[in-house]
Amino acid sequence: MNNLNPQLHDASGKMTNARWFFTAFPLLVLFTVSMMDKANINILLANKPFLIDLGIDGNLVKGTLSSIFLVTYAFGQLAWGFIVDKIGALRSGFIGIALWAFAMVLGGMADSISAILWSRAILGIGEGVLYPMALKLTSSWFPQNEQAKAQTTWYNGNAIGPVLGLPLIAITLKNMWMQS
């Protein structure tokens, strides 16, 4: 417990609960949003107007759009593990989240399959930072006897994200269809 951040303790040396608000809760939000991101491609690939607008026909393109994210996400996690250990979890997190945001903007402006592929690839690399960053922050900010509880807090975003994201995306698309 001596290797934990000194900010975990108040003036009397007692451990504070700030780590839950400043570490576990933001990680929960990030994982929730990341799972909402992952869910959206499945709904889009079932959206006929979307497929027609971008000239997507055939399962090969659909599979590639899904797979490119997963491949870059896997490589991204591996690379981010080394980067997080080298430059720290927060710096790595800011870089990864900036890539993630850029990918989302690129995807929103996409007018071709190529642009969507690039968006999905960059998204995978950017989101790949989440697990290495979360594990590093958890081990730095929580004592050993609280690490499982802290990890399950942010890991729940993996379940909450699709529960929130799938209906929100479906409702948004339905409203877009009705307006056009």
N, C-alpha and C. Protein backbone atom coordinates (compact mmCIF):
# COMPACT_ATOMS: atom_id res chain seq x y z
N MET A 1 0.82 -1.18 0.00
CA MET A 1 0.00 0.00 0.00
C MET A 1 0.87 1.25 0.00
N ASN A 2 2.12 1.14 0.29
CA ASN A 2 3.01 2.31 0.28
C ASN A 2 3.24 2.87 -1.11
N ASN A 3 3.02 2.08 -2.15
CA ASN A 3 3.28 2.55 -3.51
C ASN A 3 2.09 3.27 -4.12
N LEU A 4 0.99 3.44 -3.38
CA LEU A 4 -0.17 4.14 -3.91
C LEU A 4 0.07 5.64 -3.90
N ASN A 5 -0.68 6.34 -4.74
CA ASN A 5 -0.54 7.79 -4.84
C ASN A 5 -0.80 8.47 -3.51
N PRO A 6 0.03 9.45 -3.17
CA PRO A 6 -0.16 10.15 -1.89
C PRO A 6 -1.47 10.94 -1.85
N GLN A 7 -2.06 11.28 -3.00
CA GLN A 7 -3.30 12.04 -3.02
C GLN A 7 -4.47 11.21 -2.47
N LEU A 8 -4.26 9.93 -2.25
CA LEU A 8 -5.31 9.08 -1.71
C LEU A 8 -5.59 9.35 -0.24
N HIS A 9 -4.71 10.09 0.40
CA HIS A 9 -4.81 10.30 1.84
C HIS A 9 -5.09 11.77 2.16
N ASP A 10 -5.88 11.99 3.21
CA ASP A 10 -6.11 13.36 3.66
C ASP A 10 -4.99 13.78 4.59
N ALA A 11 -5.11 14.95 5.20
CA ALA A 11 -4.05 15.50 6.05
C ALA A 11 -3.74 14.60 7.24
N SER A 12 -4.73 13.86 7.73
CA SER A 12 -4.50 12.99 8.89
C SER A 12 -3.91 11.64 8.47
N GLY A 13 -3.74 11.42 7.17
CA GLY A 13 -3.20 10.17 6.69
C GLY A 13 -4.26 9.13 6.36
N LYS A 14 -5.53 9.49 6.61
CA LYS A 14 -6.64 8.58 6.32
C LYS A 14 -6.94 8.58 4.82
N MET A 15 -7.21 7.40 4.28
CA MET A 15 -7.50 7.29 2.85
C MET A 15 -8.87 7.92 2.55
N THR A 16 -8.92 8.72 1.49
CA THR A 16 -10.17 9.37 1.10
C THR A 16 -10.91 8.52 0.06
N ASN A 17 -12.14 8.90 -0.22
CA ASN A 17 -12.94 8.21 -1.23
C ASN A 17 -12.89 8.91 -2.59
N ALA A 18 -12.06 9.93 -2.72
CA ALA A 18 -11.98 10.69 -3.97
C ALA A 18 -11.61 9.81 -5.15
N ARG A 19 -10.87 8.75 -4.91
CA ARG A 19 -10.45 7.88 -6.01
C ARG A 19 -11.63 7.26 -6.73
N TRP A 20 -12.74 7.06 -6.03
CA TRP A 20 -13.93 6.51 -6.67
C TRP A 20 -14.54 7.52 -7.64
N PHE A 21 -14.58 8.77 -7.24
CA PHE A 21 -15.18 9.81 -8.07
C PHE A 21 -14.26 10.20 -9.23
N PHE A 22 -12.96 10.29 -8.96
CA PHE A 22 -12.02 10.78 -9.97
C PHE A 22 -11.38 9.68 -10.82
N THR A 23 -11.54 8.45 -10.43
CA THR A 23 -10.94 7.36 -11.21
C THR A 23 -12.00 6.35 -11.67
N ALA A 24 -12.68 5.70 -10.75
CA ALA A 24 -13.61 4.63 -11.12
C ALA A 24 -14.80 5.17 -11.92
N PHE A 25 -15.39 6.27 -11.51
CA PHE A 25 -16.56 6.80 -12.23
C PHE A 25 -16.21 7.26 -13.65
N PRO A 26 -15.14 8.06 -13.85
CA PRO A 26 -14.80 8.42 -15.24
C PRO A 26 -14.49 7.21 -16.12
N LEU A 27 -13.86 6.19 -15.55
CA LEU A 27 -13.59 4.98 -16.32
C LEU A 27 -14.90 4.27 -16.68
N LEU A 28 -15.85 4.25 -15.76
CA LEU A 28 -17.16 3.67 -16.04
C LEU A 28 -17.82 4.40 -17.22
N VAL A 29 -17.76 5.72 -17.22
CA VAL A 29 -18.34 6.51 -18.31
C VAL A 29 -17.63 6.19 -19.62
N LEU A 30 -16.30 6.15 -19.61
CA LEU A 30 -15.55 5.85 -20.84
C LEU A 30 -15.89 4.47 -21.39
N PHE A 31 -15.96 3.46 -20.53
CA PHE A 31 -16.29 2.12 -21.01
C PHE A 31 -17.73 2.05 -21.51
N THR A 32 -18.64 2.78 -20.87
CA THR A 32 -20.03 2.81 -21.33
C THR A 32 -20.11 3.41 -22.72
N VAL A 33 -19.45 4.55 -22.92
CA VAL A 33 -19.47 5.21 -24.23
C VAL A 33 -18.78 4.34 -25.28
N SER A 34 -17.69 3.70 -24.89
CA SER A 34 -16.98 2.87 -25.87
C SER A 34 -17.85 1.71 -26.34
N MET A 35 -18.64 1.15 -25.46
CA MET A 35 -19.52 0.05 -25.86
C MET A 35 -20.68 0.57 -26.71
N MET A 36 -21.10 1.80 -26.47
CA MET A 36 -22.12 2.40 -27.33
C MET A 36 -21.55 2.56 -28.74
N ASP A 37 -20.28 2.97 -28.84
CA ASP A 37 -19.59 3.08 -30.14
C ASP A 37 -19.59 1.75 -30.87
N LYS A 38 -19.23 0.72 -30.14
CA LYS A 38 -19.09 -0.60 -30.77
C LYS A 38 -20.43 -1.12 -31.28
N ALA A 39 -21.51 -0.77 -30.60
CA ALA A 39 -22.83 -1.26 -30.95
C ALA A 39 -23.37 -0.59 -32.21
N ASN A 40 -22.97 0.65 -32.46
CA ASN A 40 -23.61 1.41 -33.55
C ASN A 40 -23.38 0.82 -34.93
N ILE A 41 -22.26 0.20 -35.19
CA ILE A 41 -21.99 -0.31 -36.53
C ILE A 41 -22.98 -1.44 -36.88
N ASN A 42 -23.39 -2.22 -35.88
CA ASN A 42 -24.33 -3.31 -36.15
C ASN A 42 -25.68 -2.79 -36.61
N ILE A 43 -26.13 -1.71 -36.01
CA ILE A 43 -27.41 -1.12 -36.42
C ILE A 43 -27.27 -0.47 -37.80
N LEU A 44 -26.15 0.22 -38.02
CA LEU A 44 -25.95 0.86 -39.32
C LEU A 44 -25.90 -0.16 -40.45
N LEU A 45 -25.28 -1.30 -40.20
CA LEU A 45 -25.17 -2.32 -41.24
C LEU A 45 -26.50 -3.00 -41.54
N ALA A 46 -27.50 -2.75 -40.70
CA ALA A 46 -28.85 -3.25 -40.96
C ALA A 46 -29.74 -2.15 -41.54
N ASN A 47 -29.20 -0.95 -41.70
CA ASN A 47 -29.96 0.21 -42.17
C ASN A 47 -29.83 0.30 -43.69
N LYS A 48 -30.90 -0.07 -44.40
CA LYS A 48 -30.86 -0.09 -45.87
C LYS A 48 -30.52 1.28 -46.47
N PRO A 49 -31.11 2.40 -46.01
CA PRO A 49 -30.73 3.70 -46.60
C PRO A 49 -29.24 4.00 -46.44
N PHE A 50 -28.67 3.66 -45.30
CA PHE A 50 -27.24 3.86 -45.06
C PHE A 50 -26.42 3.05 -46.05
N LEU A 51 -26.78 1.78 -46.21
CA LEU A 51 -26.05 0.89 -47.11
C LEU A 51 -26.15 1.38 -48.56
N ILE A 52 -27.33 1.84 -48.96
CA ILE A 52 -27.53 2.34 -50.32
C ILE A 52 -26.73 3.63 -50.55
N ASP A 53 -26.80 4.56 -49.58
CA ASP A 53 -26.09 5.84 -49.71
C ASP A 53 -24.59 5.65 -49.92
N LEU A 54 -24.02 4.66 -49.24
CA LEU A 54 -22.58 4.44 -49.35
C LEU A 54 -22.21 3.35 -50.34
N GLY A 55 -23.19 2.79 -51.00
CA GLY A 55 -22.91 1.76 -52.00
C GLY A 55 -22.38 0.48 -51.39
N ILE A 56 -22.81 0.18 -50.20
CA ILE A 56 -22.36 -1.05 -49.53
C ILE A 56 -23.30 -2.18 -49.92
N ASP A 57 -22.74 -3.13 -50.63
CA ASP A 57 -23.52 -4.31 -50.96
C ASP A 57 -22.63 -5.53 -50.78
N GLY A 58 -23.18 -6.51 -50.19
CA GLY A 58 -22.42 -7.74 -49.98
C GLY A 58 -21.87 -7.83 -48.57
N ASN A 59 -21.74 -9.06 -48.14
CA ASN A 59 -21.28 -9.32 -46.78
C ASN A 59 -19.80 -9.08 -46.57
N LEU A 60 -19.02 -9.12 -47.66
CA LEU A 60 -17.58 -8.91 -47.52
C LEU A 60 -17.29 -7.51 -46.97
N VAL A 61 -17.94 -6.52 -47.52
CA VAL A 61 -17.73 -5.14 -47.06
C VAL A 61 -18.25 -4.99 -45.64
N LYS A 62 -19.42 -5.54 -45.36
CA LYS A 62 -19.99 -5.46 -44.02
C LYS A 62 -19.05 -6.12 -43.00
N GLY A 63 -18.57 -7.29 -43.33
CA GLY A 63 -17.64 -7.99 -42.44
C GLY A 63 -16.35 -7.23 -42.24
N THR A 64 -15.87 -6.61 -43.31
CA THR A 64 -14.63 -5.82 -43.20
C THR A 64 -14.83 -4.62 -42.30
N LEU A 65 -15.99 -3.96 -42.41
CA LEU A 65 -16.27 -2.80 -41.55
C LEU A 65 -16.30 -3.20 -40.07
N SER A 66 -16.81 -4.38 -39.79
CA SER A 66 -16.83 -4.86 -38.41
C SER A 66 -15.44 -5.33 -37.97
N SER A 67 -14.77 -6.05 -38.84
CA SER A 67 -13.49 -6.66 -38.47
C SER A 67 -12.35 -5.67 -38.35
N ILE A 68 -12.34 -4.61 -39.17
CA ILE A 68 -11.22 -3.67 -39.13
C ILE A 68 -11.10 -3.04 -37.75
N PHE A 69 -12.24 -2.77 -37.13
CA PHE A 69 -12.21 -2.24 -35.76
C PHE A 69 -11.58 -3.25 -34.81
N LEU A 70 -12.05 -4.49 -34.88
CA LEU A 70 -11.57 -5.51 -33.94
C LEU A 70 -10.07 -5.78 -34.07
N VAL A 71 -9.59 -5.80 -35.30
CA VAL A 71 -8.15 -6.04 -35.53
C VAL A 71 -7.32 -4.90 -34.96
N THR A 72 -7.71 -3.66 -35.28
CA THR A 72 -6.93 -2.51 -34.79
C THR A 72 -7.10 -2.33 -33.29
N TYR A 73 -8.24 -2.72 -32.75
CA TYR A 73 -8.48 -2.66 -31.30
C TYR A 73 -7.53 -3.62 -30.59
N ALA A 74 -7.40 -4.84 -31.11
CA ALA A 74 -6.50 -5.83 -30.50
C ALA A 74 -5.06 -5.36 -30.56
N PHE A 75 -4.61 -4.92 -31.74
CA PHE A 75 -3.23 -4.41 -31.85
C PHE A 75 -3.05 -3.16 -31.01
N GLY A 76 -4.08 -2.32 -30.98
CA GLY A 76 -4.03 -1.10 -30.17
C GLY A 76 -3.85 -1.39 -28.70
N GLN A 77 -4.58 -2.37 -28.18
CA GLN A 77 -4.44 -2.71 -26.76
C GLN A 77 -3.02 -3.17 -26.45
N LEU A 78 -2.47 -3.99 -27.31
CA LEU A 78 -1.11 -4.47 -27.11
C LEU A 78 -0.13 -3.30 -27.10
N ALA A 79 -0.22 -2.44 -28.10
CA ALA A 79 0.69 -1.30 -28.19
C ALA A 79 0.48 -0.33 -27.02
N TRP A 80 -0.79 -0.06 -26.68
CA TRP A 80 -1.05 0.88 -25.58
C TRP A 80 -0.52 0.35 -24.25
N GLY A 81 -0.46 -0.95 -24.06
CA GLY A 81 0.11 -1.49 -22.82
C GLY A 81 1.54 -1.00 -22.62
N PHE A 82 2.33 -1.04 -23.69
CA PHE A 82 3.71 -0.56 -23.61
C PHE A 82 3.75 0.97 -23.43
N ILE A 83 2.87 1.66 -24.15
CA ILE A 83 2.85 3.12 -24.11
C ILE A 83 2.42 3.61 -22.72
N VAL A 84 1.39 2.99 -22.16
CA VAL A 84 0.91 3.38 -20.83
C VAL A 84 2.03 3.20 -19.80
N ASP A 85 2.77 2.10 -19.89
CA ASP A 85 3.88 1.89 -18.96
C ASP A 85 5.00 2.92 -19.18
N LYS A 86 5.14 3.38 -20.39
CA LYS A 86 6.23 4.32 -20.72
C LYS A 86 5.88 5.77 -20.37
N ILE A 87 4.69 6.24 -20.79
CA ILE A 87 4.38 7.67 -20.59
C ILE A 87 3.29 7.93 -19.56
N GLY A 88 2.69 6.88 -19.03
CA GLY A 88 1.67 7.04 -18.00
C GLY A 88 0.26 6.87 -18.53
N ALA A 89 -0.62 6.54 -17.61
CA ALA A 89 -2.01 6.25 -17.96
C ALA A 89 -2.76 7.50 -18.42
N LEU A 90 -2.58 8.61 -17.74
CA LEU A 90 -3.34 9.81 -18.10
C LEU A 90 -2.93 10.37 -19.46
N ARG A 91 -1.63 10.51 -19.68
CA ARG A 91 -1.17 11.00 -21.00
C ARG A 91 -1.63 10.07 -22.11
N SER A 92 -1.45 8.79 -21.89
CA SER A 92 -1.89 7.81 -22.89
C SER A 92 -3.39 7.92 -23.12
N GLY A 93 -4.13 8.06 -22.03
CA GLY A 93 -5.58 8.18 -22.13
C GLY A 93 -6.00 9.38 -22.95
N PHE A 94 -5.35 10.52 -22.72
CA PHE A 94 -5.71 11.72 -23.48
C PHE A 94 -5.40 11.54 -24.97
N ILE A 95 -4.28 10.91 -25.28
CA ILE A 95 -3.93 10.67 -26.69
C ILE A 95 -4.93 9.70 -27.32
N GLY A 96 -5.22 8.60 -26.64
CA GLY A 96 -6.16 7.62 -27.15
C GLY A 96 -7.56 8.19 -27.34
N ILE A 97 -8.01 8.98 -26.38
CA ILE A 97 -9.34 9.58 -26.47
C ILE A 97 -9.38 10.64 -27.57
N ALA A 98 -8.28 11.33 -27.80
CA ALA A 98 -8.22 12.29 -28.92
C ALA A 98 -8.34 11.54 -30.26
N LEU A 99 -7.66 10.41 -30.39
CA LEU A 99 -7.79 9.58 -31.60
C LEU A 99 -9.23 9.08 -31.75
N TRP A 100 -9.80 8.68 -30.66
CA TRP A 100 -11.17 8.18 -30.62
C TRP A 100 -12.13 9.28 -31.10
N ALA A 101 -11.97 10.49 -30.57
CA ALA A 101 -12.84 11.61 -30.96
C ALA A 101 -12.66 11.94 -32.45
N PHE A 102 -11.40 11.95 -32.91
CA PHE A 102 -11.13 12.21 -34.32
C PHE A 102 -11.82 11.17 -35.19
N ALA A 103 -11.75 9.91 -34.77
CA ALA A 103 -12.37 8.82 -35.54
C ALA A 103 -13.89 9.00 -35.59
N MET A 104 -14.47 9.44 -34.51
CA MET A 104 -15.92 9.64 -34.50
C MET A 104 -16.33 10.77 -35.44
N VAL A 105 -15.56 11.85 -35.45
CA VAL A 105 -15.85 12.96 -36.37
C VAL A 105 -15.67 12.49 -37.81
N LEU A 106 -14.58 11.78 -38.08
CA LEU A 106 -14.32 11.25 -39.42
C LEU A 106 -15.46 10.33 -39.86
N GLY A 107 -15.92 9.48 -38.97
CA GLY A 107 -17.02 8.57 -39.29
C GLY A 107 -18.31 9.32 -39.57
N GLY A 108 -18.55 10.37 -38.82
CA GLY A 108 -19.76 11.17 -39.03
C GLY A 108 -19.76 11.92 -40.35
N MET A 109 -18.58 12.24 -40.84
CA MET A 109 -18.46 12.98 -42.10
C MET A 109 -18.23 12.04 -43.29
N ALA A 110 -18.13 10.75 -43.04
CA ALA A 110 -17.79 9.79 -44.09
C ALA A 110 -18.80 9.80 -45.22
N ASP A 111 -18.27 9.80 -46.43
CA ASP A 111 -19.13 9.74 -47.60
C ASP A 111 -18.70 8.60 -48.53
N SER A 112 -17.87 7.71 -47.98
CA SER A 112 -17.41 6.57 -48.77
C SER A 112 -17.07 5.41 -47.83
N ILE A 113 -16.99 4.25 -48.41
CA ILE A 113 -16.60 3.07 -47.63
C ILE A 113 -15.19 3.25 -47.09
N SER A 114 -14.31 3.81 -47.91
CA SER A 114 -12.93 4.02 -47.49
C SER A 114 -12.85 4.90 -46.24
N ALA A 115 -13.63 5.97 -46.22
CA ALA A 115 -13.62 6.87 -45.05
C ALA A 115 -14.13 6.15 -43.81
N ILE A 116 -15.14 5.32 -43.97
CA ILE A 116 -15.65 4.57 -42.83
C ILE A 116 -14.62 3.55 -42.35
N LEU A 117 -13.95 2.90 -43.29
CA LEU A 117 -12.90 1.95 -42.90
C LEU A 117 -11.80 2.64 -42.10
N TRP A 118 -11.36 3.81 -42.58
CA TRP A 118 -10.34 4.56 -41.84
C TRP A 118 -10.85 4.98 -40.47
N SER A 119 -12.09 5.42 -40.42
CA SER A 119 -12.69 5.82 -39.15
C SER A 119 -12.71 4.65 -38.17
N ARG A 120 -13.14 3.49 -38.64
CA ARG A 120 -13.21 2.30 -37.78
C ARG A 120 -11.82 1.85 -37.33
N ALA A 121 -10.83 1.95 -38.22
CA ALA A 121 -9.46 1.56 -37.86
C ALA A 121 -8.89 2.49 -36.79
N ILE A 122 -9.07 3.79 -36.99
CA ILE A 122 -8.56 4.77 -36.01
C ILE A 122 -9.31 4.63 -34.69
N LEU A 123 -10.60 4.36 -34.77
CA LEU A 123 -11.40 4.14 -33.57
C LEU A 123 -10.86 2.96 -32.76
N GLY A 124 -10.52 1.88 -33.45
CA GLY A 124 -9.96 0.71 -32.77
C GLY A 124 -8.65 1.03 -32.07
N ILE A 125 -7.79 1.77 -32.74
CA ILE A 125 -6.51 2.14 -32.13
C ILE A 125 -6.76 3.05 -30.92
N GLY A 126 -7.62 4.05 -31.09
CA GLY A 126 -7.89 4.98 -29.99
C GLY A 126 -8.54 4.30 -28.80
N GLU A 127 -9.55 3.48 -29.04
CA GLU A 127 -10.23 2.80 -27.94
C GLU A 127 -9.37 1.72 -27.30
N GLY A 128 -8.36 1.27 -28.00
CA GLY A 128 -7.46 0.26 -27.45
C GLY A 128 -6.76 0.70 -26.18
N VAL A 129 -6.73 1.99 -25.92
CA VAL A 129 -6.08 2.51 -24.71
C VAL A 129 -6.87 2.18 -23.45
N LEU A 130 -8.16 1.90 -23.57
CA LEU A 130 -9.01 1.81 -22.38
C LEU A 130 -8.56 0.77 -21.36
N TYR A 131 -8.38 -0.47 -21.77
CA TYR A 131 -8.03 -1.50 -20.78
C TYR A 131 -6.65 -1.26 -20.15
N PRO A 132 -5.60 -1.01 -20.94
CA PRO A 132 -4.32 -0.74 -20.29
C PRO A 132 -4.37 0.46 -19.35
N MET A 133 -5.05 1.53 -19.77
CA MET A 133 -5.16 2.72 -18.94
C MET A 133 -5.94 2.41 -17.67
N ALA A 134 -7.09 1.73 -17.80
CA ALA A 134 -7.93 1.44 -16.64
C ALA A 134 -7.21 0.54 -15.64
N LEU A 135 -6.51 -0.46 -16.14
CA LEU A 135 -5.81 -1.36 -15.23
C LEU A 135 -4.67 -0.65 -14.51
N LYS A 136 -3.97 0.21 -15.22
CA LYS A 136 -2.88 0.97 -14.61
C LYS A 136 -3.43 1.94 -13.55
N LEU A 137 -4.50 2.66 -13.90
CA LEU A 137 -5.09 3.60 -12.93
C LEU A 137 -5.64 2.87 -11.71
N THR A 138 -6.27 1.74 -11.94
CA THR A 138 -6.81 0.97 -10.82
C THR A 138 -5.70 0.51 -9.89
N SER A 139 -4.62 0.03 -10.46
CA SER A 139 -3.52 -0.45 -9.61
C SER A 139 -2.80 0.70 -8.91
N SER A 140 -2.84 1.90 -9.48
CA SER A 140 -2.17 3.05 -8.87
C SER A 140 -3.02 3.75 -7.82
N TRP A 141 -4.33 3.76 -8.01
CA TRP A 141 -5.20 4.58 -7.17
C TRP A 141 -6.00 3.79 -6.13
N PHE A 142 -5.99 2.47 -6.22
CA PHE A 142 -6.77 1.67 -5.28
C PHE A 142 -5.87 0.68 -4.56
N PRO A 143 -6.06 0.54 -3.25
CA PRO A 143 -5.27 -0.47 -2.53
C PRO A 143 -5.67 -1.87 -3.01
N GLN A 144 -4.81 -2.81 -2.77
CA GLN A 144 -5.01 -4.17 -3.28
C GLN A 144 -6.36 -4.74 -2.85
N ASN A 145 -6.81 -4.45 -1.66
CA ASN A 145 -8.06 -5.02 -1.17
C ASN A 145 -9.30 -4.37 -1.79
N GLU A 146 -9.13 -3.33 -2.64
CA GLU A 146 -10.25 -2.69 -3.32
C GLU A 146 -10.17 -2.80 -4.85
N GLN A 147 -9.14 -3.42 -5.36
CA GLN A 147 -8.95 -3.43 -6.81
C GLN A 147 -10.03 -4.22 -7.55
N ALA A 148 -10.48 -5.31 -7.02
CA ALA A 148 -11.55 -6.07 -7.70
C ALA A 148 -12.83 -5.24 -7.76
N LYS A 149 -13.16 -4.58 -6.66
CA LYS A 149 -14.35 -3.74 -6.62
C LYS A 149 -14.22 -2.57 -7.60
N ALA A 150 -13.04 -1.97 -7.65
CA ALA A 150 -12.82 -0.85 -8.58
C ALA A 150 -12.89 -1.32 -10.03
N GLN A 151 -12.29 -2.46 -10.32
CA GLN A 151 -12.32 -2.97 -11.70
C GLN A 151 -13.73 -3.34 -12.13
N THR A 152 -14.52 -3.93 -11.24
CA THR A 152 -15.88 -4.27 -11.64
C THR A 152 -16.73 -3.02 -11.82
N THR A 153 -16.38 -1.93 -11.14
CA THR A 153 -17.12 -0.68 -11.32
C THR A 153 -17.00 -0.21 -12.76
N TRP A 154 -15.76 -0.06 -13.27
CA TRP A 154 -15.62 0.42 -14.64
C TRP A 154 -15.95 -0.65 -15.66
N TYR A 155 -15.73 -1.90 -15.33
CA TYR A 155 -16.02 -2.98 -16.28
C TYR A 155 -17.51 -3.07 -16.57
N ASN A 156 -18.35 -2.64 -15.66
CA ASN A 156 -19.80 -2.65 -15.88
C ASN A 156 -20.21 -1.78 -17.07
N GLY A 157 -19.37 -0.86 -17.49
CA GLY A 157 -19.64 -0.07 -18.68
C GLY A 157 -19.80 -0.94 -19.91
N ASN A 158 -19.15 -2.12 -19.91
CA ASN A 158 -19.28 -3.05 -21.03
C ASN A 158 -20.70 -3.61 -21.16
N ALA A 159 -21.43 -3.65 -20.07
CA ALA A 159 -22.83 -4.10 -20.11
C ALA A 159 -23.78 -2.92 -20.25
N ILE A 160 -23.48 -1.83 -19.58
CA ILE A 160 -24.36 -0.65 -19.61
C ILE A 160 -24.38 -0.02 -21.00
N GLY A 161 -23.24 0.03 -21.67
CA GLY A 161 -23.13 0.68 -22.98
C GLY A 161 -24.12 0.15 -24.01
N PRO A 162 -24.15 -1.16 -24.26
CA PRO A 162 -25.11 -1.67 -25.23
C PRO A 162 -26.57 -1.50 -24.77
N VAL A 163 -26.80 -1.62 -23.48
CA VAL A 163 -28.16 -1.47 -22.97
C VAL A 163 -28.68 -0.05 -23.26
N LEU A 164 -27.81 0.94 -23.11
CA LEU A 164 -28.19 2.32 -23.41
C LEU A 164 -28.05 2.64 -24.90
N GLY A 165 -26.96 2.19 -25.48
CA GLY A 165 -26.61 2.58 -26.84
C GLY A 165 -27.50 2.03 -27.93
N LEU A 166 -27.82 0.76 -27.86
CA LEU A 166 -28.62 0.17 -28.94
C LEU A 166 -29.99 0.85 -29.08
N PRO A 167 -30.74 1.05 -28.01
CA PRO A 167 -32.02 1.74 -28.19
C PRO A 167 -31.84 3.21 -28.60
N LEU A 168 -30.84 3.89 -28.05
CA LEU A 168 -30.63 5.29 -28.43
C LEU A 168 -30.29 5.42 -29.91
N ILE A 169 -29.45 4.56 -30.40
CA ILE A 169 -29.06 4.59 -31.82
C ILE A 169 -30.26 4.23 -32.69
N ALA A 170 -31.00 3.21 -32.29
CA ALA A 170 -32.18 2.81 -33.07
C ALA A 170 -33.22 3.93 -33.12
N ILE A 171 -33.46 4.58 -31.99
CA ILE A 171 -34.42 5.69 -31.94
C ILE A 171 -33.94 6.85 -32.80
N THR A 172 -32.65 7.15 -32.73
CA THR A 172 -32.09 8.23 -33.53
C THR A 172 -32.25 7.94 -35.02
N LEU A 173 -31.91 6.74 -35.44
CA LEU A 173 -32.07 6.36 -36.84
C LEU A 173 -33.53 6.39 -37.27
N LYS A 174 -34.42 5.91 -36.42
CA LYS A 174 -35.85 5.92 -36.75
C LYS A 174 -36.32 7.38 -36.97
N ASN A 175 -35.90 8.28 -36.08
CA ASN A 175 -36.27 9.68 -36.23
C ASN A 175 -35.70 10.29 -37.49
N MET A 176 -34.48 9.89 -37.85
CA MET A 176 -33.87 10.38 -39.10
C MET A 176 -34.65 9.87 -40.31
N TRP A 177 -35.07 8.60 -40.28
CA TRP A 177 -35.83 8.03 -41.39
C TRP A 177 -37.16 8.75 -41.55
N MET A 178 -37.79 9.08 -40.42
CA MET A 178 -39.11 9.72 -40.48
C MET A 178 -39.02 11.16 -41.02
N GLN A 179 -37.87 11.80 -40.78
CA GLN A 179 -37.69 13.18 -41.25
C GLN A 179 -37.35 13.23 -42.73
N SER A 180 -36.82 12.16 -43.28
CA SER A 180 -36.41 12.20 -44.69
C SER A 180 -37.45 11.65 -45.61
